C-alpha atoms as a PDB file:
ATOM      1  CA  UNK A   1     146.316  90.509 101.489  1.00  0.00           C
ATOM      2  CA  UNK A   2     148.919  90.239  98.734  1.00  0.00           C
ATOM      3  CA  UNK A   3     151.952  92.772  98.915  1.00  0.00           C
ATOM      4  CA  UNK A   4     150.736  94.473  95.654  1.00  0.00           C
ATOM      5  CA  UNK A   5     147.483  95.076  97.766  1.00  0.00           C
ATOM      6  CA  UNK A   6     149.181  96.178 100.651  1.00  0.00           C
ATOM      7  CA  UNK A   7     151.356  98.655  98.675  1.00  0.00           C
ATOM      8  CA  UNK A   8     148.166 100.216  96.979  1.00  0.00           C
ATOM      9  CA  UNK A   9     146.717 100.819 100.265  1.00  0.00           C
ATOM     10  CA  UNK A  10     149.897 102.395 101.566  1.00  0.00           C
ATOM     11  CA  UNK A  11     149.944 104.703  98.737  1.00  0.00           C
ATOM     12  CA  UNK A  12     146.261 105.668  98.904  1.00  0.00           C
ATOM     13  CA  UNK A  13     145.733 105.782 102.574  1.00  0.00           C
ATOM     14  CA  UNK A  14     149.218 106.414 104.358  1.00  0.00           C
ATOM     15  CA  UNK A  15     151.027 108.556 101.779  1.00  0.00           C
ATOM     16  CA  UNK A  16     147.899 109.996  99.796  1.00  0.00           C
ATOM     17  CA  UNK A  17     146.341 111.136 103.004  1.00  0.00           C
ATOM     18  CA  UNK A  18     149.390 112.671 104.752  1.00  0.00           C
ATOM     19  CA  UNK A  19     148.795 116.423 103.852  1.00  0.00           C
ATOM     20  CA  UNK A  20     145.464 115.721 105.983  1.00  0.00           C
ATOM     21  CA  UNK A  21     147.155 114.535 109.027  1.00  0.00           C
ATOM     22  CA  UNK A  22     150.194 116.330 109.758  1.00  0.00           C
ATOM     23  CA  UNK A  23     151.751 115.865 113.029  1.00  0.00           C
ATOM     24  CA  UNK A  24     151.102 118.531 115.819  1.00  0.00           C
ATOM     25  CA  UNK A  25     153.269 121.680 115.119  1.00  0.00           C
ATOM     26  CA  UNK A  26     153.952 120.839 111.455  1.00  0.00           C
ATOM     27  CA  UNK A  27     153.046 123.009 108.696  1.00  0.00           C
ATOM     28  CA  UNK A  28     153.083 122.110 105.004  1.00  0.00           C
ATOM     29  CA  UNK A  29     152.494 123.607 101.654  1.00  0.00           C
ATOM     30  CA  UNK A  30     151.655 121.599  98.404  1.00  0.00           C
ATOM     31  CA  UNK A  31     153.747 122.021  95.206  1.00  0.00           C
ATOM     32  CA  UNK A  32     152.193 119.703  92.702  1.00  0.00           C
ATOM     33  CA  UNK A  33     152.753 116.067  93.878  1.00  0.00           C
ATOM     34  CA  UNK A  34     155.189 117.139  96.561  1.00  0.00           C
ATOM     35  CA  UNK A  35     154.246 118.050 100.217  1.00  0.00           C
ATOM     36  CA  UNK A  36     156.790 120.330 101.941  1.00  0.00           C
ATOM     37  CA  UNK A  37     156.707 120.521 105.577  1.00  0.00           C
ATOM     38  CA  UNK A  38     158.378 122.501 108.451  1.00  0.00           C
ATOM     39  CA  UNK A  39     158.448 120.530 111.473  1.00  0.00           C
ATOM     40  CA  UNK A  40     159.759 122.920 114.112  1.00  0.00           C
ATOM     41  CA  UNK A  41     163.112 121.341 113.895  1.00  0.00           C
ATOM     42  CA  UNK A  42     163.986 120.795 110.355  1.00  0.00           C
ATOM     43  CA  UNK A  43     162.111 120.078 107.138  1.00  0.00           C
ATOM     44  CA  UNK A  44     160.407 117.066 105.547  1.00  0.00           C
ATOM     45  CA  UNK A  45     159.276 116.533 101.884  1.00  0.00           C
ATOM     46  CA  UNK A  46     157.721 113.667 100.033  1.00  0.00           C
ATOM     47  CA  UNK A  47     155.764 112.954  97.010  1.00  0.00           C
ATOM     48  CA  UNK A  48     152.328 112.362  98.290  1.00  0.00           C
ATOM     49  CA  UNK A  49     150.811 111.671  94.846  1.00  0.00           C
ATOM     50  CA  UNK A  50     152.587 110.361  91.654  1.00  0.00           C
ATOM     51  CA  UNK A  51     155.156 112.472  89.933  1.00  0.00           C
ATOM     52  CA  UNK A  52     154.561 110.491  86.697  1.00  0.00           C
ATOM     53  CA  UNK A  53     152.900 113.407  84.852  1.00  0.00           C
ATOM     54  CA  UNK A  54     155.948 115.810  85.316  1.00  0.00           C
ATOM     55  CA  UNK A  55     158.506 116.004  82.559  1.00  0.00           C
ATOM     56  CA  UNK A  56     162.140 115.666  83.469  1.00  0.00           C
ATOM     57  CA  UNK A  57     162.626 119.510  83.339  1.00  0.00           C
ATOM     58  CA  UNK A  58     159.433 119.964  85.475  1.00  0.00           C
ATOM     59  CA  UNK A  59     160.985 117.434  87.954  1.00  0.00           C
ATOM     60  CA  UNK A  60     164.271 119.149  88.097  1.00  0.00           C
ATOM     61  CA  UNK A  61     162.529 122.424  88.703  1.00  0.00           C
ATOM     62  CA  UNK A  62     160.667 120.903  91.629  1.00  0.00           C
ATOM     63  CA  UNK A  63     163.736 119.813  93.256  1.00  0.00           C
ATOM     64  CA  UNK A  64     165.263 123.237  92.719  1.00  0.00           C
ATOM     65  CA  UNK A  65     162.269 125.016  94.082  1.00  0.00           C
ATOM     66  CA  UNK A  66     162.264 122.660  97.291  1.00  0.00           C
ATOM     67  CA  UNK A  67     165.959 123.138  97.989  1.00  0.00           C
ATOM     68  CA  UNK A  68     165.403 127.007  97.610  1.00  0.00           C
ATOM     69  CA  UNK A  69     162.206 126.997  99.824  1.00  0.00           C
ATOM     70  CA  UNK A  70     164.398 125.276 102.839  1.00  0.00           C
ATOM     71  CA  UNK A  71     167.345 127.623 102.167  1.00  0.00           C
ATOM     72  CA  UNK A  72     165.201 130.459 102.741  1.00  0.00           C
ATOM     73  CA  UNK A  73     163.908 129.014 105.817  1.00  0.00           C
ATOM     74  CA  UNK A  74     167.316 128.473 107.139  1.00  0.00           C
ATOM     75  CA  UNK A  75     167.010 124.769 107.657  1.00  0.00           C
ATOM     76  CA  UNK A  76     168.071 121.310 106.327  1.00  0.00           C
ATOM     77  CA  UNK A  77     165.421 118.960 105.218  1.00  0.00           C
ATOM     78  CA  UNK A  78     164.871 115.195 104.370  1.00  0.00           C
ATOM     79  CA  UNK A  79     163.205 114.259 101.285  1.00  0.00           C
ATOM     80  CA  UNK A  80     161.644 110.766 101.803  1.00  0.00           C
ATOM     81  CA  UNK A  81     161.960 108.530  98.717  1.00  0.00           C
ATOM     82  CA  UNK A  82     160.213 105.173  98.179  1.00  0.00           C
ATOM     83  CA  UNK A  83     161.809 102.506  96.056  1.00  0.00           C
ATOM     84  CA  UNK A  84     158.804 102.707  93.921  1.00  0.00           C
ATOM     85  CA  UNK A  85     159.263 106.387  93.211  1.00  0.00           C
ATOM     86  CA  UNK A  86     160.535 107.862  89.864  1.00  0.00           C
ATOM     87  CA  UNK A  87     164.213 106.245  89.294  1.00  0.00           C
ATOM     88  CA  UNK A  88     165.341 109.702  88.012  1.00  0.00           C
ATOM     89  CA  UNK A  89     164.441 111.592  91.103  1.00  0.00           C
ATOM     90  CA  UNK A  90     167.466 110.400  93.256  1.00  0.00           C
ATOM     91  CA  UNK A  91     169.887 111.491  90.876  1.00  0.00           C
ATOM     92  CA  UNK A  92     168.596 114.860  90.775  1.00  0.00           C
ATOM     93  CA  UNK A  93     168.623 114.981  94.729  1.00  0.00           C
ATOM     94  CA  UNK A  94     172.187 113.742  94.729  1.00  0.00           C
ATOM     95  CA  UNK A  95     173.011 116.674  92.055  1.00  0.00           C
ATOM     96  CA  UNK A  96     171.521 119.126  94.619  1.00  0.00           C
ATOM     97  CA  UNK A  97     174.032 117.926  97.238  1.00  0.00           C
ATOM     98  CA  UNK A  98     171.856 115.088  99.177  1.00  0.00           C
ATOM     99  CA  UNK A  99     173.359 112.518 101.339  1.00  0.00           C
ATOM    100  CA  UNK A 100     171.718 109.390 101.834  1.00  0.00           C
ATOM    101  CA  UNK A 101     170.667 107.679 105.374  1.00  0.00           C
ATOM    102  CA  UNK A 102     170.219 103.847 105.858  1.00  0.00           C
ATOM    103  CA  UNK A 103     167.552 102.210 103.753  1.00  0.00           C
ATOM    104  CA  UNK A 104     164.702 100.787 105.587  1.00  0.00           C
ATOM    105  CA  UNK A 105     162.280  98.199 104.448  1.00  0.00           C
ATOM    106  CA  UNK A 106     158.746  99.319 104.068  1.00  0.00           C
ATOM    107  CA  UNK A 107     156.644  96.712 106.158  1.00  0.00           C
ATOM    108  CA  UNK A 108     152.940  96.329 106.037  1.00  0.00           C
ATOM    109  CA  UNK A 109     150.323  93.757 107.171  1.00  0.00           C
ATOM    110  CA  UNK A 110     147.314  92.700 109.338  1.00  0.00           C
ATOM    111  CA  UNK A 111     147.360  93.690 112.920  1.00  0.00           C
ATOM    112  CA  UNK A 112     145.728  90.505 114.244  1.00  0.00           C
ATOM    113  CA  UNK A 113     148.769  88.333 112.935  1.00  0.00           C
ATOM    114  CA  UNK A 114     150.972  90.386 115.479  1.00  0.00           C
ATOM    115  CA  UNK A 115     148.478  90.579 118.339  1.00  0.00           C
ATOM    116  CA  UNK A 116     149.894  87.697 120.038  1.00  0.00           C
ATOM    117  CA  UNK A 117     150.167  87.009 123.804  1.00  0.00           C
ATOM    118  CA  UNK A 118     152.839  89.472 125.263  1.00  0.00           C
ATOM    119  CA  UNK A 119     155.679  87.443 126.535  1.00  0.00           C
ATOM    120  CA  UNK A 120     158.500  89.113 128.592  1.00  0.00           C
ATOM    121  CA  UNK A 121     161.898  88.040 129.904  1.00  0.00           C
ATOM    122  CA  UNK A 122     162.081  87.798 133.799  1.00  0.00           C
ATOM    123  CA  UNK A 123     162.519  91.235 135.394  1.00  0.00           C
ATOM    124  CA  UNK A 124     160.918  93.269 132.469  1.00  0.00           C
ATOM    125  CA  UNK A 125     157.552  94.925 132.532  1.00  0.00           C
ATOM    126  CA  UNK A 126     155.684  96.963 129.826  1.00  0.00           C
ATOM    127  CA  UNK A 127     153.729 100.058 130.898  1.00  0.00           C
ATOM    128  CA  UNK A 128     151.910 102.576 128.965  1.00  0.00           C
ATOM    129  CA  UNK A 129     153.172 106.289 129.766  1.00  0.00           C
ATOM    130  CA  UNK A 130     152.027 109.733 129.067  1.00  0.00           C
ATOM    131  CA  UNK A 131     153.555 111.821 131.841  1.00  0.00           C
ATOM    132  CA  UNK A 132     156.482 114.270 131.165  1.00  0.00           C
ATOM    133  CA  UNK A 133     159.061 112.503 133.540  1.00  0.00           C
ATOM    134  CA  UNK A 134     158.632 109.223 131.539  1.00  0.00           C
ATOM    135  CA  UNK A 135     159.081 110.935 128.339  1.00  0.00           C
ATOM    136  CA  UNK A 136     162.221 112.548 129.431  1.00  0.00           C
ATOM    137  CA  UNK A 137     163.385 108.833 130.478  1.00  0.00           C
ATOM    138  CA  UNK A 138     162.612 107.705 127.090  1.00  0.00           C
ATOM    139  CA  UNK A 139     164.482 110.517 125.448  1.00  0.00           C
ATOM    140  CA  UNK A 140     167.645 109.857 127.566  1.00  0.00           C
ATOM    141  CA  UNK A 141     167.362 106.045 126.643  1.00  0.00           C
ATOM    142  CA  UNK A 142     167.268 107.211 122.929  1.00  0.00           C
ATOM    143  CA  UNK A 143     170.155 109.405 123.360  1.00  0.00           C
ATOM    144  CA  UNK A 144     172.069 106.383 124.696  1.00  0.00           C
ATOM    145  CA  UNK A 145     171.346 104.253 121.936  1.00  0.00           C
ATOM    146  CA  UNK A 146     172.067 106.515 119.069  1.00  0.00           C
ATOM    147  CA  UNK A 147     175.047 108.346 120.894  1.00  0.00           C
ATOM    148  CA  UNK A 148     173.624 111.816 120.351  1.00  0.00           C
ATOM    149  CA  UNK A 149     171.420 114.250 122.239  1.00  0.00           C
ATOM    150  CA  UNK A 150     167.723 113.082 121.555  1.00  0.00           C
ATOM    151  CA  UNK A 151     166.298 115.356 124.425  1.00  0.00           C
ATOM    152  CA  UNK A 152     164.012 116.926 121.755  1.00  0.00           C
ATOM    153  CA  UNK A 153     162.026 113.700 121.707  1.00  0.00           C
ATOM    154  CA  UNK A 154     160.427 114.355 124.956  1.00  0.00           C
ATOM    155  CA  UNK A 155     158.831 117.447 123.565  1.00  0.00           C
ATOM    156  CA  UNK A 156     157.929 115.765 120.317  1.00  0.00           C
ATOM    157  CA  UNK A 157     156.301 112.773 121.931  1.00  0.00           C
ATOM    158  CA  UNK A 158     154.336 115.249 124.387  1.00  0.00           C
ATOM    159  CA  UNK A 159     152.887 116.872 121.481  1.00  0.00           C
ATOM    160  CA  UNK A 160     151.823 114.152 119.851  1.00  0.00           C
ATOM    161  CA  UNK A 161     150.387 112.648 122.771  1.00  0.00           C
ATOM    162  CA  UNK A 162     147.876 115.793 122.857  1.00  0.00           C
ATOM    163  CA  UNK A 163     147.005 115.464 119.184  1.00  0.00           C
ATOM    164  CA  UNK A 164     143.507 114.814 117.805  1.00  0.00           C
ATOM    165  CA  UNK A 165     144.646 111.396 117.209  1.00  0.00           C
ATOM    166  CA  UNK A 166     147.153 110.738 120.077  1.00  0.00           C
ATOM    167  CA  UNK A 167     149.768 108.162 119.764  1.00  0.00           C
ATOM    168  CA  UNK A 168     150.256 105.486 122.485  1.00  0.00           C
ATOM    169  CA  UNK A 169     153.404 105.096 124.217  1.00  0.00           C
ATOM    170  CA  UNK A 170     154.859 102.182 125.890  1.00  0.00           C
ATOM    171  CA  UNK A 171     158.191 101.531 127.691  1.00  0.00           C
ATOM    172  CA  UNK A 172     159.812  98.282 128.789  1.00  0.00           C
ATOM    173  CA  UNK A 173     161.468  98.701 132.194  1.00  0.00           C
ATOM    174  CA  UNK A 174     163.975  96.584 134.242  1.00  0.00           C
ATOM    175  CA  UNK A 175     162.194  96.214 137.479  1.00  0.00           C
ATOM    176  CA  UNK A 176     165.683  94.851 139.142  1.00  0.00           C
ATOM    177  CA  UNK A 177     167.200  98.061 137.969  1.00  0.00           C
ATOM    178  CA  UNK A 178     164.935 100.669 139.504  1.00  0.00           C
ATOM    179  CA  UNK A 179     162.886 100.679 136.779  1.00  0.00           C
ATOM    180  CA  UNK A 180     165.241 101.515 134.027  1.00  0.00           C
ATOM    181  CA  UNK A 181     163.780 102.243 130.596  1.00  0.00           C
ATOM    182  CA  UNK A 182     165.418  99.881 128.495  1.00  0.00           C
ATOM    183  CA  UNK A 183     163.123 100.157 125.366  1.00  0.00           C
ATOM    184  CA  UNK A 184     160.382 102.269 124.156  1.00  0.00           C
ATOM    185  CA  UNK A 185     157.915 102.242 121.269  1.00  0.00           C
ATOM    186  CA  UNK A 186     154.607 103.942 120.217  1.00  0.00           C
ATOM    187  CA  UNK A 187     151.473 103.199 118.299  1.00  0.00           C
ATOM    188  CA  UNK A 188     150.641 106.050 115.856  1.00  0.00           C
ATOM    189  CA  UNK A 189     146.904 105.783 114.644  1.00  0.00           C
ATOM    190  CA  UNK A 190     146.593 107.438 111.180  1.00  0.00           C
ATOM    191  CA  UNK A 191     143.129 109.063 111.202  1.00  0.00           C
ATOM    192  CA  UNK A 192     140.794 108.317 108.434  1.00  0.00           C
ATOM    193  CA  UNK A 193     142.620 105.178 107.415  1.00  0.00           C
ATOM    194  CA  UNK A 194     142.639 101.425 108.333  1.00  0.00           C
ATOM    195  CA  UNK A 195     146.492 101.775 109.300  1.00  0.00           C
ATOM    196  CA  UNK A 196     148.460 102.625 112.257  1.00  0.00           C
ATOM    197  CA  UNK A 197     152.104 102.961 112.591  1.00  0.00           C
ATOM    198  CA  UNK A 198     154.514 101.215 114.723  1.00  0.00           C
ATOM    199  CA  UNK A 199     157.210 103.555 115.536  1.00  0.00           C
ATOM    200  CA  UNK A 200     160.230 103.621 117.975  1.00  0.00           C
ATOM    201  CA  UNK A 201     161.418 100.327 119.370  1.00  0.00           C
ATOM    202  CA  UNK A 202     164.868 101.073 120.166  1.00  0.00           C
ATOM    203  CA  UNK A 203     166.393  99.166 122.843  1.00  0.00           C
ATOM    204  CA  UNK A 204     169.578  99.397 125.034  1.00  0.00           C
ATOM    205  CA  UNK A 205     172.328  97.143 123.769  1.00  0.00           C
ATOM    206  CA  UNK A 206     172.588  95.071 126.782  1.00  0.00           C
ATOM    207  CA  UNK A 207     168.999  94.065 126.666  1.00  0.00           C
ATOM    208  CA  UNK A 208     168.692  93.175 122.810  1.00  0.00           C
ATOM    209  CA  UNK A 209     167.957  89.603 121.674  1.00  0.00           C
ATOM    210  CA  UNK A 210     165.529  88.857 124.589  1.00  0.00           C
ATOM    211  CA  UNK A 211     162.264  89.299 123.004  1.00  0.00           C
ATOM    212  CA  UNK A 212     161.431  93.016 124.312  1.00  0.00           C
ATOM    213  CA  UNK A 213     160.890  94.361 120.779  1.00  0.00           C
ATOM    214  CA  UNK A 214     158.499  91.362 119.885  1.00  0.00           C
ATOM    215  CA  UNK A 215     156.619  92.037 123.194  1.00  0.00           C
ATOM    216  CA  UNK A 216     156.223  95.868 122.368  1.00  0.00           C
ATOM    217  CA  UNK A 217     155.029  94.892 118.829  1.00  0.00           C
ATOM    218  CA  UNK A 218     152.185  92.452 120.566  1.00  0.00           C
ATOM    219  CA  UNK A 219     151.365  94.965 122.891  1.00  0.00           C
ATOM    220  CA  UNK A 220     150.797  97.973 120.158  1.00  0.00           C
ATOM    221  CA  UNK A 221     149.182  95.216 117.851  1.00  0.00           C
ATOM    222  CA  UNK A 222     146.432  94.435 120.584  1.00  0.00           C
ATOM    223  CA  UNK A 223     146.019  97.993 121.113  1.00  0.00           C
ATOM    224  CA  UNK A 224     145.482  99.004 117.212  1.00  0.00           C
ATOM    225  CA  UNK A 225     142.961  96.272 117.197  1.00  0.00           C
ATOM    226  CA  UNK A 226     141.162  97.776 120.089  1.00  0.00           C
ATOM    227  CA  UNK A 227     141.019 101.232 118.270  1.00  0.00           C
ATOM    228  CA  UNK A 228     139.608  99.739 115.067  1.00  0.00           C
ATOM    229  CA  UNK A 229     142.908  99.769 113.068  1.00  0.00           C
ATOM    230  CA  UNK A 230     143.156  96.399 111.080  1.00  0.00           C
ATOM    231  CA  UNK A 231     146.759  97.199 109.467  1.00  0.00           C
ATOM    232  CA  UNK A 232     150.117  98.145 110.929  1.00  0.00           C
ATOM    233  CA  UNK A 233     152.909  99.772 108.969  1.00  0.00           C
ATOM    234  CA  UNK A 234     156.599 100.242 109.875  1.00  0.00           C
ATOM    235  CA  UNK A 235     159.734 101.616 108.407  1.00  0.00           C
ATOM    236  CA  UNK A 236     161.959  98.649 109.566  1.00  0.00           C
ATOM    237  CA  UNK A 237     165.540  98.657 110.100  1.00  0.00           C
ATOM    238  CA  UNK A 238     167.646  95.470 109.219  1.00  0.00           C
ATOM    239  CA  UNK A 239     167.517  94.522 112.866  1.00  0.00           C
ATOM    240  CA  UNK A 240     163.586  94.739 113.239  1.00  0.00           C
ATOM    241  CA  UNK A 241     162.679  93.617 109.641  1.00  0.00           C
ATOM    242  CA  UNK A 242     163.344  89.684 110.053  1.00  0.00           C
ATOM    243  CA  UNK A 243     161.226  89.792 113.287  1.00  0.00           C
ATOM    244  CA  UNK A 244     158.481  91.238 111.595  1.00  0.00           C
ATOM    245  CA  UNK A 245     158.563  89.156 108.669  1.00  0.00           C
ATOM    246  CA  UNK A 246     158.715  86.160 110.989  1.00  0.00           C
ATOM    247  CA  UNK A 247     155.704  87.577 112.537  1.00  0.00           C
ATOM    248  CA  UNK A 248     153.773  87.570 109.382  1.00  0.00           C
ATOM    249  CA  UNK A 249     153.953  91.040 107.929  1.00  0.00           C
ATOM    250  CA  UNK A 250     154.996  91.686 104.302  1.00  0.00           C
ATOM    251  CA  UNK A 251     158.044  93.784 102.972  1.00  0.00           C
ATOM    252  CA  UNK A 252     156.271  95.768 100.261  1.00  0.00           C
ATOM    253  CA  UNK A 253     159.004  98.041  99.090  1.00  0.00           C
ATOM    254  CA  UNK A 254     161.566 100.272 100.691  1.00  0.00           C
ATOM    255  CA  UNK A 255     162.430 103.911 101.798  1.00  0.00           C
ATOM    256  CA  UNK A 256     165.411 105.940 102.054  1.00  0.00           C
ATOM    257  CA  UNK A 257     166.055 109.434 103.483  1.00  0.00           C
ATOM    258  CA  UNK A 258     168.011 111.954 101.149  1.00  0.00           C
ATOM    259  CA  UNK A 259     169.300 114.674 103.428  1.00  0.00           C
ATOM    260  CA  UNK A 260     170.162 117.951 102.051  1.00  0.00           C
ATOM    261  CA  UNK A 261     171.723 121.055 103.980  1.00  0.00           C
ATOM    262  CA  UNK A 262     172.485 119.564 107.271  1.00  0.00           C
END
């Protein structure tokens, strides 16, 4: 598939179908092309259908209503912007006080290109997990990677494991260090689409550059094919994007969070 074809699939099946497959515990309302969500921790909004029919004043009013909505609910929110969204939207968000977080590449491709043999460095094992103690170990690892409290992740992963279309969570452990969780990642099937998401993949600094992320990608790609998902999607950091491109996926665009009220 070409990048243009993959982008059309993303817009139709991933973005367009999002209001019908909310994560557990999320609530949403639709305001024209925009889906506004409350996640239990903060807000999340993005255009799930084209905003091209809106006039400039209508788009500004949509931004104003969204800012007011989250202010009324007493929470900050992320507005997820894609590179091919309307170019006049980001300035309106900045005018509303938004700050940006790092830009990520929007990566999509065929699962079979990633479903290679899983090769791990000596002393590292990959295991699928679903029990609470393992989820708490993942949250502790993420807290160390990001330098802030990610204890909430254990609850988030647990809820997604019990969803109608559950995620599949994998950890990489150092067996020589009492099974220390050194990396974790999960496969998120998107019900009603051909696409599954590759989320997570954070790795402790001392274990990077050893092929662990690549092994977790291959593990999840193999599982995706077993479940009947032929395409994989990643919002890729600058660290993971080159690996995914070398493995055969395509950068089809980009995404950037705009944060308001935090």
